[in-house]
């Protein structure tokens, strides 16, 4: 539960920071969340792989959406993707082996296809981003997040040596 709550706090810090032109408090919140979760994790190697993959995906995916002119990120510096969105991807990666450990690859596709665009639409409603090409951006977000969430679940499983994470098993410390 702490993992889920921590991610929500990080999301709000990033979005509200971007709204107010101050992205760094959100980045700090995400880095703090990632560090604390990693220190408490029983699967540090898998978490490190997930964060690395998520950061690379963020730069490529969100950077592409920005370059295409489909999304305008508030509070961004001239990077492929703004630091706050990259940090959010890293924070999201830290949920895969923890509060989202129940997620299997097939369900990850559905969660990504629905949850990804919903998060961006929520951020838009709050003023953190603007979807310039709404239809194209929403479709790209659904497809991109479906693939990314699915891929992250596979990376997590592979990094754990094929073991399925069981966050609610007896004796589990998660």
N, C-alpha and C. Protein backbone atom coordinates (compact mmCIF):
# COMPACT_ATOMS: atom_id res chain seq x y z
N UNK A 1 0.82 -1.19 0.00
CA UNK A 1 0.00 0.00 0.00
C UNK A 1 0.86 1.26 0.00
N UNK A 2 1.99 1.21 0.72
CA UNK A 2 2.89 2.37 0.76
C UNK A 2 3.46 2.64 -0.62
N UNK A 3 3.72 1.60 -1.39
CA UNK A 3 4.25 1.76 -2.74
C UNK A 3 3.24 2.51 -3.61
N UNK A 4 2.00 2.10 -3.57
CA UNK A 4 0.95 2.76 -4.36
C UNK A 4 0.78 4.21 -3.93
N UNK A 5 0.72 4.44 -2.63
CA UNK A 5 0.56 5.81 -2.11
C UNK A 5 1.76 6.68 -2.48
N UNK A 6 2.95 6.12 -2.38
CA UNK A 6 4.15 6.88 -2.73
C UNK A 6 4.15 7.29 -4.19
N UNK A 7 3.71 6.38 -5.07
CA UNK A 7 3.64 6.73 -6.48
C UNK A 7 2.62 7.83 -6.73
N UNK A 8 1.48 7.75 -6.05
CA UNK A 8 0.46 8.79 -6.22
C UNK A 8 0.99 10.15 -5.78
N UNK A 9 1.71 10.18 -4.67
CA UNK A 9 2.30 11.44 -4.19
C UNK A 9 3.29 11.97 -5.23
N UNK A 10 4.11 11.09 -5.78
CA UNK A 10 5.08 11.50 -6.80
C UNK A 10 4.37 12.05 -8.04
N UNK A 11 3.29 11.39 -8.47
CA UNK A 11 2.54 11.84 -9.65
C UNK A 11 2.00 13.25 -9.42
N UNK A 12 1.36 13.44 -8.28
CA UNK A 12 0.80 14.76 -7.98
C UNK A 12 1.88 15.82 -7.87
N UNK A 13 3.00 15.49 -7.27
CA UNK A 13 4.11 16.45 -7.15
C UNK A 13 4.62 16.85 -8.53
N UNK A 14 4.75 15.89 -9.43
CA UNK A 14 5.20 16.20 -10.79
C UNK A 14 4.20 17.05 -11.55
N UNK A 15 2.97 16.65 -11.52
CA UNK A 15 1.94 17.35 -12.28
C UNK A 15 1.73 18.77 -11.74
N UNK A 16 1.58 18.90 -10.44
CA UNK A 16 1.37 20.23 -9.87
C UNK A 16 2.60 21.11 -10.02
N UNK A 17 3.78 20.52 -9.93
CA UNK A 17 5.00 21.28 -10.17
C UNK A 17 5.05 21.81 -11.59
N UNK A 18 4.70 20.96 -12.56
CA UNK A 18 4.69 21.39 -13.96
C UNK A 18 3.66 22.49 -14.19
N UNK A 19 2.51 22.36 -13.56
CA UNK A 19 1.46 23.38 -13.68
C UNK A 19 1.99 24.74 -13.24
N UNK A 20 2.77 24.75 -12.18
CA UNK A 20 3.26 26.01 -11.61
C UNK A 20 4.65 26.38 -12.12
N UNK A 21 5.12 25.71 -13.16
CA UNK A 21 6.41 26.04 -13.75
C UNK A 21 7.60 25.67 -12.89
N UNK A 22 7.40 24.77 -11.96
CA UNK A 22 8.46 24.32 -11.05
C UNK A 22 8.54 22.79 -11.09
N UNK A 23 9.17 22.22 -12.12
CA UNK A 23 9.19 20.77 -12.25
C UNK A 23 10.08 20.05 -11.24
N UNK A 24 11.04 20.74 -10.63
CA UNK A 24 12.03 20.05 -9.80
C UNK A 24 11.48 19.45 -8.52
N UNK A 25 10.50 20.04 -7.85
CA UNK A 25 9.96 19.34 -6.67
C UNK A 25 9.39 17.96 -7.02
N UNK A 26 8.78 17.85 -8.19
CA UNK A 26 8.26 16.56 -8.64
C UNK A 26 9.37 15.57 -8.93
N UNK A 27 10.44 16.06 -9.55
CA UNK A 27 11.59 15.20 -9.83
C UNK A 27 12.19 14.70 -8.52
N UNK A 28 12.32 15.60 -7.55
CA UNK A 28 12.86 15.22 -6.24
C UNK A 28 11.94 14.19 -5.57
N UNK A 29 10.63 14.40 -5.67
CA UNK A 29 9.67 13.44 -5.08
C UNK A 29 9.83 12.07 -5.72
N UNK A 30 9.98 12.04 -7.04
CA UNK A 30 10.14 10.75 -7.74
C UNK A 30 11.46 10.08 -7.37
N UNK A 31 12.53 10.84 -7.36
CA UNK A 31 13.84 10.26 -7.02
C UNK A 31 13.81 9.73 -5.59
N UNK A 32 13.19 10.47 -4.69
CA UNK A 32 13.07 10.02 -3.29
C UNK A 32 12.26 8.74 -3.21
N UNK A 33 11.13 8.70 -3.91
CA UNK A 33 10.28 7.51 -3.94
C UNK A 33 11.06 6.31 -4.48
N UNK A 34 11.73 6.50 -5.61
CA UNK A 34 12.50 5.40 -6.21
C UNK A 34 13.58 4.92 -5.24
N UNK A 35 14.31 5.84 -4.64
CA UNK A 35 15.40 5.46 -3.72
C UNK A 35 14.88 4.71 -2.50
N UNK A 36 13.81 5.22 -1.90
CA UNK A 36 13.26 4.56 -0.71
C UNK A 36 12.70 3.18 -1.04
N UNK A 37 12.01 3.08 -2.17
CA UNK A 37 11.47 1.78 -2.57
C UNK A 37 12.59 0.80 -2.88
N UNK A 38 13.64 1.29 -3.53
CA UNK A 38 14.75 0.42 -3.88
C UNK A 38 15.45 -0.09 -2.62
N UNK A 39 15.65 0.80 -1.64
CA UNK A 39 16.30 0.39 -0.39
C UNK A 39 15.49 -0.67 0.35
N UNK A 40 14.17 -0.58 0.27
CA UNK A 40 13.30 -1.52 0.98
C UNK A 40 12.97 -2.77 0.15
N UNK A 41 13.42 -2.80 -1.09
CA UNK A 41 13.04 -3.86 -2.01
C UNK A 41 13.78 -5.17 -1.77
N UNK A 42 13.07 -6.26 -2.00
CA UNK A 42 13.69 -7.59 -1.96
C UNK A 42 14.12 -8.02 -3.36
N UNK A 43 13.86 -7.17 -4.35
CA UNK A 43 14.24 -7.50 -5.74
C UNK A 43 14.91 -6.28 -6.37
N UNK A 44 15.99 -5.85 -5.76
CA UNK A 44 16.69 -4.64 -6.20
C UNK A 44 17.20 -4.72 -7.64
N UNK A 45 17.74 -5.85 -8.00
CA UNK A 45 18.27 -5.99 -9.36
C UNK A 45 17.15 -5.82 -10.39
N UNK A 46 16.04 -6.47 -10.16
CA UNK A 46 14.90 -6.35 -11.07
C UNK A 46 14.38 -4.92 -11.10
N UNK A 47 14.31 -4.28 -9.94
CA UNK A 47 13.85 -2.89 -9.89
C UNK A 47 14.79 -1.96 -10.65
N UNK A 48 16.09 -2.19 -10.51
CA UNK A 48 17.07 -1.35 -11.22
C UNK A 48 16.91 -1.49 -12.74
N UNK A 49 16.71 -2.72 -13.20
CA UNK A 49 16.47 -2.94 -14.63
C UNK A 49 15.20 -2.24 -15.09
N UNK A 50 14.16 -2.33 -14.30
CA UNK A 50 12.89 -1.69 -14.66
C UNK A 50 13.04 -0.18 -14.76
N UNK A 51 13.71 0.42 -13.79
CA UNK A 51 13.91 1.87 -13.81
C UNK A 51 14.71 2.28 -15.04
N UNK A 52 15.78 1.55 -15.33
CA UNK A 52 16.60 1.86 -16.51
C UNK A 52 15.78 1.77 -17.79
N UNK A 53 15.01 0.70 -17.93
CA UNK A 53 14.17 0.53 -19.13
C UNK A 53 13.11 1.62 -19.22
N UNK A 54 12.51 1.96 -18.10
CA UNK A 54 11.46 2.99 -18.09
C UNK A 54 12.02 4.36 -18.46
N UNK A 55 13.20 4.68 -17.95
CA UNK A 55 13.81 5.98 -18.27
C UNK A 55 14.12 6.07 -19.76
N UNK A 56 14.68 5.02 -20.33
CA UNK A 56 14.96 5.01 -21.77
C UNK A 56 13.67 5.11 -22.58
N UNK A 57 12.65 4.41 -22.14
CA UNK A 57 11.35 4.47 -22.82
C UNK A 57 10.77 5.87 -22.75
N UNK A 58 10.87 6.50 -21.59
CA UNK A 58 10.34 7.86 -21.42
C UNK A 58 10.99 8.84 -22.37
N UNK A 59 12.30 8.78 -22.45
CA UNK A 59 13.03 9.70 -23.32
C UNK A 59 12.61 9.48 -24.78
N UNK A 60 12.53 8.23 -25.19
CA UNK A 60 12.17 7.92 -26.58
C UNK A 60 10.70 8.21 -26.86
N UNK A 61 9.81 7.69 -26.02
CA UNK A 61 8.37 7.79 -26.28
C UNK A 61 7.84 9.20 -26.08
N UNK A 62 8.02 9.75 -24.90
CA UNK A 62 7.50 11.09 -24.65
C UNK A 62 8.26 12.14 -25.46
N UNK A 63 9.55 11.89 -25.68
CA UNK A 63 10.32 12.78 -26.54
C UNK A 63 9.77 12.80 -27.96
N UNK A 64 9.37 11.63 -28.46
CA UNK A 64 8.78 11.54 -29.80
C UNK A 64 7.45 12.27 -29.87
N UNK A 65 6.62 12.10 -28.85
CA UNK A 65 5.32 12.79 -28.84
C UNK A 65 5.51 14.30 -28.84
N UNK A 66 6.52 14.77 -28.12
CA UNK A 66 6.81 16.21 -28.09
C UNK A 66 7.35 16.67 -29.44
N UNK A 67 8.27 15.90 -30.02
CA UNK A 67 8.86 16.26 -31.32
C UNK A 67 7.81 16.26 -32.43
N UNK A 68 6.85 15.36 -32.34
CA UNK A 68 5.77 15.33 -33.33
C UNK A 68 4.81 16.50 -33.16
N UNK A 69 4.91 17.18 -32.03
CA UNK A 69 4.01 18.30 -31.75
C UNK A 69 2.64 17.85 -31.27
N UNK A 70 2.54 16.62 -30.80
CA UNK A 70 1.26 16.10 -30.34
C UNK A 70 0.99 16.42 -28.88
N UNK A 71 2.07 16.61 -28.10
CA UNK A 71 1.93 16.96 -26.68
C UNK A 71 2.87 18.11 -26.37
N UNK A 72 2.35 19.08 -25.62
CA UNK A 72 3.17 20.17 -25.11
C UNK A 72 3.29 19.96 -23.60
N UNK A 73 4.51 19.76 -23.14
CA UNK A 73 4.76 19.53 -21.72
C UNK A 73 5.08 20.86 -21.05
N UNK A 74 4.32 21.22 -20.05
CA UNK A 74 4.57 22.45 -19.30
C UNK A 74 5.79 22.25 -18.41
N UNK A 75 6.46 23.34 -18.14
CA UNK A 75 7.60 23.27 -17.23
C UNK A 75 8.75 22.44 -17.77
N UNK A 76 8.84 22.35 -19.10
CA UNK A 76 9.90 21.51 -19.66
C UNK A 76 11.06 22.36 -20.18
N UNK A 77 12.22 21.76 -20.11
CA UNK A 77 13.43 22.36 -20.65
C UNK A 77 13.66 21.68 -21.99
N UNK A 78 14.50 22.23 -22.80
CA UNK A 78 14.74 21.68 -24.14
C UNK A 78 15.49 20.34 -24.08
N UNK A 79 14.80 19.32 -23.64
CA UNK A 79 15.31 17.96 -23.62
C UNK A 79 14.38 17.12 -24.50
N UNK A 80 14.78 15.92 -24.86
CA UNK A 80 13.84 15.09 -25.62
C UNK A 80 12.50 14.93 -24.90
N UNK A 81 12.56 14.74 -23.60
CA UNK A 81 11.35 14.66 -22.76
C UNK A 81 11.68 15.41 -21.47
N UNK A 82 10.69 16.08 -20.90
CA UNK A 82 10.97 16.84 -19.68
C UNK A 82 11.39 15.94 -18.52
N UNK A 83 12.23 16.48 -17.66
CA UNK A 83 12.76 15.72 -16.52
C UNK A 83 11.64 15.16 -15.66
N UNK A 84 10.56 15.93 -15.47
CA UNK A 84 9.50 15.47 -14.58
C UNK A 84 8.76 14.26 -15.15
N UNK A 85 8.64 14.18 -16.48
CA UNK A 85 7.94 13.03 -17.06
C UNK A 85 8.86 11.80 -17.04
N UNK A 86 10.15 12.01 -17.25
CA UNK A 86 11.11 10.90 -17.17
C UNK A 86 11.15 10.36 -15.74
N UNK A 87 11.14 11.27 -14.77
CA UNK A 87 11.14 10.86 -13.36
C UNK A 87 9.87 10.08 -13.02
N UNK A 88 8.74 10.49 -13.60
CA UNK A 88 7.48 9.77 -13.36
C UNK A 88 7.54 8.35 -13.91
N UNK A 89 8.14 8.19 -15.07
CA UNK A 89 8.30 6.85 -15.63
C UNK A 89 9.13 5.98 -14.69
N UNK A 90 10.21 6.56 -14.14
CA UNK A 90 11.05 5.81 -13.19
C UNK A 90 10.24 5.40 -11.96
N UNK A 91 9.43 6.34 -11.46
CA UNK A 91 8.59 6.04 -10.30
C UNK A 91 7.56 4.95 -10.65
N UNK A 92 6.96 5.04 -11.83
CA UNK A 92 6.01 4.02 -12.25
C UNK A 92 6.69 2.64 -12.29
N UNK A 93 7.92 2.60 -12.79
CA UNK A 93 8.65 1.33 -12.87
C UNK A 93 8.78 0.68 -11.49
N UNK A 94 8.88 1.49 -10.46
CA UNK A 94 9.03 0.95 -9.10
C UNK A 94 7.72 0.36 -8.56
N UNK A 95 6.63 0.49 -9.28
CA UNK A 95 5.38 -0.14 -8.85
C UNK A 95 5.23 -1.56 -9.43
N UNK A 96 5.97 -1.86 -10.49
CA UNK A 96 5.79 -3.12 -11.20
C UNK A 96 6.05 -4.35 -10.33
N UNK A 97 7.10 -4.33 -9.53
CA UNK A 97 7.41 -5.47 -8.65
C UNK A 97 6.77 -5.35 -7.27
N UNK A 98 5.99 -4.33 -7.06
CA UNK A 98 5.47 -4.07 -5.71
C UNK A 98 3.95 -3.95 -5.75
N UNK A 99 3.39 -2.76 -5.82
CA UNK A 99 1.93 -2.65 -5.79
C UNK A 99 1.27 -3.21 -7.05
N UNK A 100 2.02 -3.33 -8.14
CA UNK A 100 1.47 -3.94 -9.36
C UNK A 100 2.05 -5.33 -9.62
N UNK A 101 2.58 -5.97 -8.60
CA UNK A 101 3.20 -7.29 -8.76
C UNK A 101 2.19 -8.35 -9.22
N UNK A 102 0.92 -8.13 -8.97
CA UNK A 102 -0.13 -9.05 -9.40
C UNK A 102 -0.34 -9.01 -10.91
N UNK A 103 0.16 -7.97 -11.56
CA UNK A 103 -0.10 -7.72 -12.97
C UNK A 103 0.62 -8.72 -13.86
N UNK A 104 -0.13 -9.39 -14.70
CA UNK A 104 0.44 -10.32 -15.67
C UNK A 104 0.50 -9.62 -17.02
N UNK A 105 1.35 -10.11 -17.93
CA UNK A 105 1.56 -9.41 -19.20
C UNK A 105 0.28 -9.09 -19.98
N UNK A 106 -0.65 -10.03 -20.06
CA UNK A 106 -1.89 -9.76 -20.80
C UNK A 106 -2.70 -8.63 -20.19
N UNK A 107 -2.84 -8.65 -18.88
CA UNK A 107 -3.58 -7.59 -18.19
C UNK A 107 -2.81 -6.27 -18.24
N UNK A 108 -1.48 -6.35 -18.32
CA UNK A 108 -0.65 -5.15 -18.41
C UNK A 108 -0.98 -4.35 -19.67
N UNK A 109 -1.28 -5.06 -20.75
CA UNK A 109 -1.65 -4.40 -22.00
C UNK A 109 -2.91 -3.56 -21.79
N UNK A 110 -3.91 -4.16 -21.15
CA UNK A 110 -5.17 -3.45 -20.89
C UNK A 110 -4.95 -2.28 -19.95
N UNK A 111 -4.23 -2.52 -18.86
CA UNK A 111 -3.97 -1.45 -17.90
C UNK A 111 -3.22 -0.29 -18.56
N UNK A 112 -2.21 -0.60 -19.35
CA UNK A 112 -1.45 0.44 -20.03
C UNK A 112 -2.27 1.20 -21.04
N UNK A 113 -3.07 0.47 -21.83
CA UNK A 113 -3.88 1.11 -22.87
C UNK A 113 -4.94 2.05 -22.29
N UNK A 114 -5.43 1.73 -21.11
CA UNK A 114 -6.45 2.57 -20.47
C UNK A 114 -5.83 3.56 -19.49
N UNK A 115 -4.97 3.07 -18.62
CA UNK A 115 -4.41 3.91 -17.56
C UNK A 115 -3.45 4.97 -18.07
N UNK A 116 -2.65 4.65 -19.07
CA UNK A 116 -1.71 5.63 -19.62
C UNK A 116 -2.41 6.88 -20.12
N UNK A 117 -3.32 6.74 -21.09
CA UNK A 117 -4.03 7.92 -21.57
C UNK A 117 -4.83 8.65 -20.48
N UNK A 118 -5.41 7.89 -19.54
CA UNK A 118 -6.16 8.54 -18.46
C UNK A 118 -5.26 9.43 -17.62
N UNK A 119 -4.04 8.97 -17.34
CA UNK A 119 -3.11 9.78 -16.55
C UNK A 119 -2.74 11.06 -17.30
N UNK A 120 -2.52 10.95 -18.59
CA UNK A 120 -2.17 12.12 -19.39
C UNK A 120 -3.36 13.07 -19.52
N UNK A 121 -4.55 12.51 -19.69
CA UNK A 121 -5.74 13.37 -19.77
C UNK A 121 -5.98 14.08 -18.44
N UNK A 122 -5.72 13.40 -17.33
CA UNK A 122 -5.80 14.04 -16.02
C UNK A 122 -4.78 15.15 -15.88
N UNK A 123 -3.56 14.89 -16.34
CA UNK A 123 -2.51 15.92 -16.30
C UNK A 123 -2.89 17.11 -17.19
N UNK A 124 -3.53 16.82 -18.31
CA UNK A 124 -3.97 17.91 -19.19
C UNK A 124 -5.06 18.74 -18.52
N UNK A 125 -6.01 18.08 -17.90
CA UNK A 125 -7.10 18.80 -17.24
C UNK A 125 -6.56 19.72 -16.14
N UNK A 126 -5.48 19.29 -15.48
CA UNK A 126 -4.87 20.11 -14.42
C UNK A 126 -3.96 21.19 -14.99
N UNK A 127 -3.61 21.09 -16.27
CA UNK A 127 -2.78 22.12 -16.91
C UNK A 127 -1.30 21.81 -16.99
N UNK A 128 -0.91 20.56 -16.73
CA UNK A 128 0.51 20.20 -16.78
C UNK A 128 0.99 19.93 -18.20
N UNK A 129 0.08 19.47 -19.05
CA UNK A 129 0.39 19.20 -20.45
C UNK A 129 -0.78 19.69 -21.29
N UNK A 130 -0.52 19.74 -22.59
CA UNK A 130 -1.61 20.00 -23.53
C UNK A 130 -1.48 19.01 -24.67
N UNK A 131 -2.56 18.29 -24.92
CA UNK A 131 -2.59 17.38 -26.06
C UNK A 131 -2.96 18.22 -27.27
N UNK A 132 -1.98 18.50 -28.13
CA UNK A 132 -2.19 19.36 -29.29
C UNK A 132 -3.01 18.60 -30.34
N UNK A 133 -2.58 17.43 -30.69
CA UNK A 133 -3.30 16.57 -31.63
C UNK A 133 -4.00 15.52 -30.77
N UNK A 134 -5.16 15.87 -30.25
CA UNK A 134 -5.81 15.06 -29.22
C UNK A 134 -6.04 13.61 -29.65
N UNK A 135 -6.60 13.41 -30.83
CA UNK A 135 -6.91 12.06 -31.27
C UNK A 135 -5.63 11.25 -31.48
N UNK A 136 -4.69 11.81 -32.24
CA UNK A 136 -3.44 11.10 -32.50
C UNK A 136 -2.67 10.83 -31.20
N UNK A 137 -2.61 11.84 -30.34
CA UNK A 137 -1.87 11.69 -29.08
C UNK A 137 -2.51 10.62 -28.20
N UNK A 138 -3.83 10.62 -28.11
CA UNK A 138 -4.52 9.64 -27.27
C UNK A 138 -4.32 8.22 -27.80
N UNK A 139 -4.39 8.06 -29.10
CA UNK A 139 -4.15 6.74 -29.70
C UNK A 139 -2.71 6.31 -29.47
N UNK A 140 -1.77 7.23 -29.68
CA UNK A 140 -0.35 6.92 -29.46
C UNK A 140 -0.10 6.58 -27.99
N UNK A 141 -0.73 7.31 -27.08
CA UNK A 141 -0.56 7.02 -25.66
C UNK A 141 -1.11 5.64 -25.31
N UNK A 142 -2.27 5.30 -25.85
CA UNK A 142 -2.86 3.99 -25.57
C UNK A 142 -1.96 2.87 -26.08
N UNK A 143 -1.50 3.00 -27.31
CA UNK A 143 -0.63 1.96 -27.88
C UNK A 143 0.71 1.92 -27.16
N UNK A 144 1.31 3.08 -26.98
CA UNK A 144 2.63 3.16 -26.34
C UNK A 144 2.62 2.64 -24.92
N UNK A 145 1.62 3.04 -24.14
CA UNK A 145 1.56 2.58 -22.76
C UNK A 145 1.17 1.10 -22.66
N UNK A 146 0.36 0.61 -23.59
CA UNK A 146 0.05 -0.82 -23.61
C UNK A 146 1.32 -1.63 -23.83
N UNK A 147 2.11 -1.21 -24.81
CA UNK A 147 3.36 -1.92 -25.10
C UNK A 147 4.35 -1.77 -23.95
N UNK A 148 4.50 -0.55 -23.44
CA UNK A 148 5.47 -0.29 -22.38
C UNK A 148 5.13 -1.06 -21.10
N UNK A 149 3.87 -1.05 -20.71
CA UNK A 149 3.48 -1.75 -19.48
C UNK A 149 3.67 -3.25 -19.64
N UNK A 150 3.27 -3.77 -20.79
CA UNK A 150 3.48 -5.18 -21.09
C UNK A 150 4.98 -5.52 -21.04
N UNK A 151 5.80 -4.71 -21.71
CA UNK A 151 7.24 -4.96 -21.75
C UNK A 151 7.86 -4.88 -20.36
N UNK A 152 7.43 -3.92 -19.56
CA UNK A 152 7.98 -3.80 -18.21
C UNK A 152 7.65 -5.02 -17.35
N UNK A 153 6.45 -5.59 -17.53
CA UNK A 153 6.14 -6.81 -16.77
C UNK A 153 7.03 -7.97 -17.20
N UNK A 154 7.35 -8.03 -18.49
CA UNK A 154 8.25 -9.08 -18.98
C UNK A 154 9.67 -8.86 -18.48
N UNK A 155 10.13 -7.61 -18.48
CA UNK A 155 11.46 -7.29 -17.95
C UNK A 155 11.53 -7.69 -16.49
N UNK A 156 10.48 -7.35 -15.74
CA UNK A 156 10.46 -7.68 -14.30
C UNK A 156 10.56 -9.18 -14.10
N UNK A 157 9.78 -9.94 -14.84
CA UNK A 157 9.80 -11.40 -14.70
C UNK A 157 11.17 -11.96 -15.07
N UNK A 158 11.72 -11.48 -16.17
CA UNK A 158 13.05 -11.95 -16.60
C UNK A 158 14.13 -11.58 -15.57
N UNK A 159 14.08 -10.37 -15.07
CA UNK A 159 15.09 -9.91 -14.10
C UNK A 159 14.99 -10.66 -12.78
N UNK A 160 13.80 -11.18 -12.48
CA UNK A 160 13.63 -11.99 -11.26
C UNK A 160 13.93 -13.47 -11.55
N UNK A 161 14.44 -13.76 -12.72
CA UNK A 161 14.77 -15.15 -13.07
C UNK A 161 13.55 -15.96 -13.44
N UNK A 162 12.52 -15.31 -13.96
CA UNK A 162 11.30 -16.00 -14.36
C UNK A 162 10.30 -16.19 -13.25
N UNK A 163 10.66 -15.81 -12.04
CA UNK A 163 9.75 -15.98 -10.90
C UNK A 163 8.61 -14.98 -10.99
N UNK A 164 7.44 -15.45 -10.65
CA UNK A 164 6.27 -14.58 -10.58
C UNK A 164 6.25 -13.98 -9.19
N UNK A 165 6.18 -12.66 -9.13
CA UNK A 165 6.15 -11.99 -7.83
C UNK A 165 4.82 -12.24 -7.15
N UNK A 166 4.85 -12.52 -5.87
CA UNK A 166 3.63 -12.76 -5.09
C UNK A 166 3.63 -11.80 -3.91
N UNK A 167 3.10 -10.58 -4.13
CA UNK A 167 3.18 -9.56 -3.09
C UNK A 167 2.33 -9.84 -1.87
N UNK A 168 1.34 -10.70 -1.98
CA UNK A 168 0.43 -10.92 -0.87
C UNK A 168 0.59 -12.32 -0.27
N UNK A 169 1.71 -12.95 -0.57
CA UNK A 169 1.95 -14.29 -0.03
C UNK A 169 2.23 -14.20 1.46
N UNK A 170 1.96 -15.30 2.16
CA UNK A 170 2.23 -15.36 3.59
C UNK A 170 3.71 -15.11 3.82
N UNK A 171 4.01 -14.24 4.75
CA UNK A 171 5.40 -13.91 5.06
C UNK A 171 5.99 -12.86 4.16
N UNK A 172 5.21 -12.36 3.21
CA UNK A 172 5.71 -11.33 2.31
C UNK A 172 5.87 -10.02 3.06
N UNK A 173 6.97 -9.33 2.79
CA UNK A 173 7.22 -8.05 3.46
C UNK A 173 6.77 -6.88 2.62
N UNK A 174 6.10 -7.13 1.52
CA UNK A 174 5.65 -6.03 0.66
C UNK A 174 4.32 -5.62 1.09
